[in-house]
PDB file of N, CA and C in Angstrom:
ATOM      1  N   MET A   1     249.295  95.780 -57.723  1.00  0.00           N
ATOM      2  CA  MET A   1     250.374  96.336 -58.498  1.00  0.00           C
ATOM      3  C   MET A   1     251.689  96.037 -57.785  1.00  0.00           C
ATOM      4  N   ASP A   2     252.627  95.466 -58.508  1.00  0.00           N
ATOM      5  CA  ASP A   2     253.915  95.081 -57.947  1.00  0.00           C
ATOM      6  C   ASP A   2     254.913  96.223 -58.130  1.00  0.00           C
ATOM      7  N   SER A   3     255.594  96.581 -57.050  1.00  0.00           N
ATOM      8  CA  SER A   3     256.572  97.667 -57.145  1.00  0.00           C
ATOM      9  C   SER A   3     257.972  97.093 -57.336  1.00  0.00           C
ATOM     10  N   SER A   4     258.812  97.856 -57.988  1.00  0.00           N
ATOM     11  CA  SER A   4     260.187  97.426 -58.221  1.00  0.00           C
ATOM     12  C   SER A   4     260.962  97.484 -56.911  1.00  0.00           C
ATOM     13  N   PRO A   5     262.101  96.780 -56.845  1.00  0.00           N
ATOM     14  CA  PRO A   5     262.907  96.819 -55.623  1.00  0.00           C
ATOM     15  C   PRO A   5     263.347  98.240 -55.247  1.00  0.00           C
ATOM     16  N   MET A   6     263.628  99.085 -56.238  1.00  0.00           N
ATOM     17  CA  MET A   6     264.043 100.448 -55.926  1.00  0.00           C
ATOM     18  C   MET A   6     262.880 101.237 -55.321  1.00  0.00           C
ATOM     19  N   GLU A   7     261.672 101.046 -55.846  1.00  0.00           N
ATOM     20  CA  GLU A   7     260.509 101.733 -55.282  1.00  0.00           C
ATOM     21  C   GLU A   7     260.264 101.280 -53.847  1.00  0.00           C
ATOM     22  N   ARG A   8     260.398  99.997 -53.598  1.00  0.00           N
ATOM     23  CA  ARG A   8     260.215  99.459 -52.244  1.00  0.00           C
ATOM     24  C   ARG A   8     261.266 100.039 -51.299  1.00  0.00           C
ATOM     25  N   PHE A   9     262.489 100.141 -51.768  1.00  0.00           N
ATOM     26  CA  PHE A   9     263.584 100.722 -50.992  1.00  0.00           C
ATOM     27  C   PHE A   9     263.243 102.155 -50.591  1.00  0.00           C
ATOM     28  N   VAL A  10     262.799 102.942 -51.552  1.00  0.00           N
ATOM     29  CA  VAL A  10     262.463 104.339 -51.297  1.00  0.00           C
ATOM     30  C   VAL A  10     261.277 104.435 -50.346  1.00  0.00           C
ATOM     31  N   GLN A  11     260.269 103.594 -50.529  1.00  0.00           N
ATOM     32  CA  GLN A  11     259.102 103.608 -49.653  1.00  0.00           C
ATOM     33  C   GLN A  11     259.500 103.320 -48.210  1.00  0.00           C
ATOM     34  N   LEU A  12     260.351 102.320 -48.011  1.00  0.00           N
ATOM     35  CA  LEU A  12     260.776 101.970 -46.661  1.00  0.00           C
ATOM     36  C   LEU A  12     261.611 103.080 -46.029  1.00  0.00           C
ATOM     37  N   ILE A  13     262.502 103.673 -46.798  1.00  0.00           N
ATOM     38  CA  ILE A  13     263.346 104.746 -46.274  1.00  0.00           C
ATOM     39  C   ILE A  13     262.487 105.953 -45.894  1.00  0.00           C
ATOM     40  N   VAL A  14     261.576 106.345 -46.770  1.00  0.00           N
ATOM     41  CA  VAL A  14     260.740 107.520 -46.505  1.00  0.00           C
ATOM     42  C   VAL A  14     259.794 107.257 -45.327  1.00  0.00           C
ATOM     43  N   ALA A  15     259.135 106.121 -45.328  1.00  0.00           N
ATOM     44  CA  ALA A  15     258.208 105.805 -44.238  1.00  0.00           C
ATOM     45  C   ALA A  15     258.942 105.702 -42.901  1.00  0.00           C
ATOM     46  N   GLY A  16     260.075 105.029 -42.896  1.00  0.00           N
ATOM     47  CA  GLY A  16     260.859 104.911 -41.664  1.00  0.00           C
ATOM     48  C   GLY A  16     261.324 106.261 -41.161  1.00  0.00           C
ATOM     49  N   SER A  17     261.721 107.132 -42.072  1.00  0.00           N
ATOM     50  CA  SER A  17     262.188 108.462 -41.685  1.00  0.00           C
ATOM     51  C   SER A  17     261.061 109.305 -41.107  1.00  0.00           C
ATOM     52  N   ILE A  18     259.897 109.255 -41.728  1.00  0.00           N
ATOM     53  CA  ILE A  18     258.759 110.038 -41.245  1.00  0.00           C
ATOM     54  C   ILE A  18     258.334 109.556 -39.857  1.00  0.00           C
ATOM     55  N   VAL A  19     258.255 108.260 -39.684  1.00  0.00           N
ATOM     56  CA  VAL A  19     257.875 107.707 -38.377  1.00  0.00           C
ATOM     57  C   VAL A  19     258.913 108.073 -37.329  1.00  0.00           C
ATOM     58  N   LEU A  20     260.186 107.997 -37.686  1.00  0.00           N
ATOM     59  CA  LEU A  20     261.251 108.314 -36.736  1.00  0.00           C
ATOM     60  C   LEU A  20     261.203 109.781 -36.317  1.00  0.00           C
ATOM     61  N   VAL A  21     261.002 110.679 -37.254  1.00  0.00           N
ATOM     62  CA  VAL A  21     260.935 112.108 -36.920  1.00  0.00           C
ATOM     63  C   VAL A  21     259.740 112.385 -36.007  1.00  0.00           C
ATOM     64  N   GLY A  22     258.591 111.825 -36.335  1.00  0.00           N
ATOM     65  CA  GLY A  22     257.416 111.996 -35.474  1.00  0.00           C
ATOM     66  C   GLY A  22     257.647 111.433 -34.080  1.00  0.00           C
ATOM     67  N   ALA A  23     258.284 110.287 -34.019  1.00  0.00           N
ATOM     68  CA  ALA A  23     258.565 109.660 -32.731  1.00  0.00           C
ATOM     69  C   ALA A  23     259.514 110.505 -31.899  1.00  0.00           C
ATOM     70  N   LEU A  24     260.524 111.060 -32.526  1.00  0.00           N
ATOM     71  CA  LEU A  24     261.468 111.893 -31.787  1.00  0.00           C
ATOM     72  C   LEU A  24     260.805 113.157 -31.266  1.00  0.00           C
ATOM     73  N   TRP A  25     259.833 113.691 -32.004  1.00  0.00           N
ATOM     74  CA  TRP A  25     259.069 114.837 -31.512  1.00  0.00           C
ATOM     75  C   TRP A  25     258.269 114.439 -30.282  1.00  0.00           C
ATOM     76  N   LEU A  26     257.625 113.281 -30.319  1.00  0.00           N
ATOM     77  CA  LEU A  26     256.866 112.822 -29.157  1.00  0.00           C
ATOM     78  C   LEU A  26     257.765 112.678 -27.935  1.00  0.00           C
ATOM     79  N   VAL A  27     258.932 112.094 -28.133  1.00  0.00           N
ATOM     80  CA  VAL A  27     259.862 111.891 -27.020  1.00  0.00           C
ATOM     81  C   VAL A  27     260.346 113.234 -26.482  1.00  0.00           C
ATOM     82  N   ALA A  28     260.556 114.198 -27.361  1.00  0.00           N
ATOM     83  CA  ALA A  28     261.059 115.504 -26.934  1.00  0.00           C
ATOM     84  C   ALA A  28     259.981 116.329 -26.225  1.00  0.00           C
ATOM     85  N   ILE A  29     258.731 116.191 -26.644  1.00  0.00           N
ATOM     86  CA  ILE A  29     257.670 117.046 -26.113  1.00  0.00           C
ATOM     87  C   ILE A  29     257.116 116.538 -24.783  1.00  0.00           C
ATOM     88  N   PHE A  30     256.919 115.239 -24.667  1.00  0.00           N
ATOM     89  CA  PHE A  30     256.227 114.707 -23.500  1.00  0.00           C
ATOM     90  C   PHE A  30     257.188 114.291 -22.399  1.00  0.00           C
ATOM     91  N   GLU A  31     256.647 114.271 -21.200  1.00  0.00           N
ATOM     92  CA  GLU A  31     257.419 113.975 -19.998  1.00  0.00           C
ATOM     93  C   GLU A  31     257.884 112.521 -19.996  1.00  0.00           C
ATOM     94  N   TRP A  32     259.081 112.305 -19.461  1.00  0.00           N
ATOM     95  CA  TRP A  32     259.671 110.972 -19.395  1.00  0.00           C
ATOM     96  C   TRP A  32     258.735 110.027 -18.648  1.00  0.00           C
ATOM     97  N   GLY A  33     258.472 108.884 -19.253  1.00  0.00           N
ATOM     98  CA  GLY A  33     257.659 107.867 -18.619  1.00  0.00           C
ATOM     99  C   GLY A  33     256.167 107.972 -18.887  1.00  0.00           C
ATOM    100  N   SER A  34     255.716 109.063 -19.503  1.00  0.00           N
ATOM    101  CA  SER A  34     254.291 109.190 -19.799  1.00  0.00           C
ATOM    102  C   SER A  34     253.912 108.228 -20.928  1.00  0.00           C
ATOM    103  N   THR A  35     252.632 108.030 -21.091  1.00  0.00           N
ATOM    104  CA  THR A  35     252.149 107.098 -22.120  1.00  0.00           C
ATOM    105  C   THR A  35     252.585 107.534 -23.519  1.00  0.00           C
ATOM    106  N   LEU A  36     252.443 108.817 -23.825  1.00  0.00           N
ATOM    107  CA  LEU A  36     252.834 109.286 -25.158  1.00  0.00           C
ATOM    108  C   LEU A  36     254.347 109.242 -25.356  1.00  0.00           C
ATOM    109  N   TRP A  37     255.119 109.393 -24.293  1.00  0.00           N
ATOM    110  CA  TRP A  37     256.571 109.260 -24.391  1.00  0.00           C
ATOM    111  C   TRP A  37     256.926 107.816 -24.760  1.00  0.00           C
ATOM    112  N   ILE A  38     256.251 106.865 -24.122  1.00  0.00           N
ATOM    113  CA  ILE A  38     256.490 105.440 -24.419  1.00  0.00           C
ATOM    114  C   ILE A  38     256.069 105.119 -25.850  1.00  0.00           C
ATOM    115  N   VAL A  39     254.954 105.689 -26.300  1.00  0.00           N
ATOM    116  CA  VAL A  39     254.528 105.510 -27.693  1.00  0.00           C
ATOM    117  C   VAL A  39     255.608 106.054 -28.626  1.00  0.00           C
ATOM    118  N   GLY A  40     256.198 107.189 -28.278  1.00  0.00           N
ATOM    119  CA  GLY A  40     257.280 107.757 -29.075  1.00  0.00           C
ATOM    120  C   GLY A  40     258.478 106.823 -29.159  1.00  0.00           C
ATOM    121  N   ILE A  41     258.819 106.190 -28.056  1.00  0.00           N
ATOM    122  CA  ILE A  41     259.940 105.238 -28.049  1.00  0.00           C
ATOM    123  C   ILE A  41     259.633 104.047 -28.955  1.00  0.00           C
ATOM    124  N   VAL A  42     258.418 103.523 -28.855  1.00  0.00           N
ATOM    125  CA  VAL A  42     258.024 102.378 -29.693  1.00  0.00           C
ATOM    126  C   VAL A  42     258.060 102.773 -31.174  1.00  0.00           C
ATOM    127  N   LEU A  43     257.538 103.963 -31.477  1.00  0.00           N
ATOM    128  CA  LEU A  43     257.557 104.420 -32.872  1.00  0.00           C
ATOM    129  C   LEU A  43     258.987 104.662 -33.365  1.00  0.00           C
ATOM    130  N   ALA A  44     259.852 105.135 -32.493  1.00  0.00           N
ATOM    131  CA  ALA A  44     261.250 105.341 -32.883  1.00  0.00           C
ATOM    132  C   ALA A  44     261.900 104.007 -33.265  1.00  0.00           C
ATOM    133  N   VAL A  45     261.621 102.995 -32.492  1.00  0.00           N
ATOM    134  CA  VAL A  45     262.167 101.668 -32.807  1.00  0.00           C
ATOM    135  C   VAL A  45     261.611 101.171 -34.143  1.00  0.00           C
ATOM    136  N   LEU A  46     260.315 101.382 -34.379  1.00  0.00           N
ATOM    137  CA  LEU A  46     259.722 100.976 -35.654  1.00  0.00           C
ATOM    138  C   LEU A  46     260.309 101.780 -36.821  1.00  0.00           C
ATOM    139  N   GLY A  47     260.533 103.066 -36.617  1.00  0.00           N
ATOM    140  CA  GLY A  47     261.132 103.901 -37.662  1.00  0.00           C
ATOM    141  C   GLY A  47     262.535 103.453 -38.006  1.00  0.00           C
ATOM    142  N   ILE A  48     263.316 103.144 -36.978  1.00  0.00           N
ATOM    143  CA  ILE A  48     264.673 102.643 -37.211  1.00  0.00           C
ATOM    144  C   ILE A  48     264.612 101.305 -37.933  1.00  0.00           C
ATOM    145  N   GLY A  49     263.627 100.475 -37.555  1.00  0.00           N
ATOM    146  CA  GLY A  49     263.446  99.192 -38.242  1.00  0.00           C
ATOM    147  C   GLY A  49     263.105  99.374 -39.709  1.00  0.00           C
ATOM    148  N   GLY A  50     262.255 100.351 -40.019  1.00  0.00           N
ATOM    149  CA  GLY A  50     261.920 100.638 -41.415  1.00  0.00           C
ATOM    150  C   GLY A  50     263.126 101.107 -42.205  1.00  0.00           C
ATOM    151  N   LEU A  51     263.903 101.990 -41.601  1.00  0.00           N
ATOM    152  CA  LEU A  51     265.130 102.451 -42.268  1.00  0.00           C
ATOM    153  C   LEU A  51     266.090 101.282 -42.508  1.00  0.00           C
ATOM    154  N   ALA A  52     266.270 100.471 -41.489  1.00  0.00           N
ATOM    155  CA  ALA A  52     267.180  99.332 -41.615  1.00  0.00           C
ATOM    156  C   ALA A  52     266.685  98.341 -42.670  1.00  0.00           C
ATOM    157  N   ALA A  53     265.380  98.076 -42.691  1.00  0.00           N
ATOM    158  CA  ALA A  53     264.821  97.148 -43.682  1.00  0.00           C
ATOM    159  C   ALA A  53     265.031  97.681 -45.096  1.00  0.00           C
ATOM    160  N   GLY A  54     264.848  98.984 -45.284  1.00  0.00           N
ATOM    161  CA  GLY A  54     265.064  99.576 -46.602  1.00  0.00           C
ATOM    162  C   GLY A  54     266.503  99.472 -47.048  1.00  0.00           C
ATOM    163  N   ILE A  55     267.415  99.754 -46.137  1.00  0.00           N
ATOM    164  CA  ILE A  55     268.836  99.696 -46.474  1.00  0.00           C
ATOM    165  C   ILE A  55     269.264  98.257 -46.767  1.00  0.00           C
ATOM    166  N   VAL A  56     268.837  97.331 -45.922  1.00  0.00           N
ATOM    167  CA  VAL A  56     269.209  95.926 -46.112  1.00  0.00           C
ATOM    168  C   VAL A  56     268.616  95.368 -47.399  1.00  0.00           C
ATOM    169  N   SER A  57     267.383  95.756 -47.726  1.00  0.00           N
ATOM    170  CA  SER A  57     266.770  95.240 -48.950  1.00  0.00           C
ATOM    171  C   SER A  57     267.537  95.711 -50.184  1.00  0.00           C
ATOM    172  N   GLU A  58     268.042  96.919 -50.149  1.00  0.00           N
ATOM    173  CA  GLU A  58     268.820  97.429 -51.285  1.00  0.00           C
ATOM    174  C   GLU A  58     270.188  96.747 -51.352  1.00  0.00           C
ATOM    175  N   LEU A  59     270.780  96.484 -50.211  1.00  0.00           N
ATOM    176  CA  LEU A  59     272.074  95.788 -50.206  1.00  0.00           C
ATOM    177  C   LEU A  59     271.917  94.382 -50.748  1.00  0.00           C
ATOM    178  N   GLU A  60     270.853  93.683 -50.322  1.00  0.00           N
ATOM    179  CA  GLU A  60     270.617  92.330 -50.807  1.00  0.00           C
ATOM    180  C   GLU A  60     270.334  92.321 -52.305  1.00  0.00           C
ATOM    181  N   ALA A  61     269.596  93.292 -52.794  1.00  0.00           N
ATOM    182  CA  ALA A  61     269.271  93.343 -54.232  1.00  0.00           C
ATOM    183  C   ALA A  61     270.513  93.582 -55.064  1.00  0.00           C
ATOM    184  N   SER A  62     271.433  94.395 -54.595  1.00  0.00           N
ATOM    185  CA  SER A  62     272.629  94.683 -55.371  1.00  0.00           C
ATOM    186  C   SER A  62     273.622  93.521 -55.325  1.00  0.00           C
ATOM    187  N   VAL A  63     273.578  92.712 -54.280  1.00  0.00           N
ATOM    188  CA  VAL A  63     274.468  91.553 -54.194  1.00  0.00           C
ATOM    189  C   VAL A  63     274.012  90.464 -55.147  1.00  0.00           C
ATOM    190  N   LEU A  64     272.700  90.306 -55.273  1.00  0.00           N
ATOM    191  CA  LEU A  64     272.156  89.271 -56.160  1.00  0.00           C
ATOM    192  C   LEU A  64     272.358  89.740 -57.559  1.00  0.00           C
TER     193      LEU A  64
END
């Protein structure tokens, strides 16, 4: 099933936001330098990437 550009935009924004919030909780709860803290940092970067991809995809769609 093919999703519309707006649905894809919303999916990326929501998924990126959820991952980012979870990652920030991991970073806040666990000790600096621990394995789970590092996992939180990696997930935060992925969450920011998801948010950025969603925003950029919507900007590109509106320009075209």
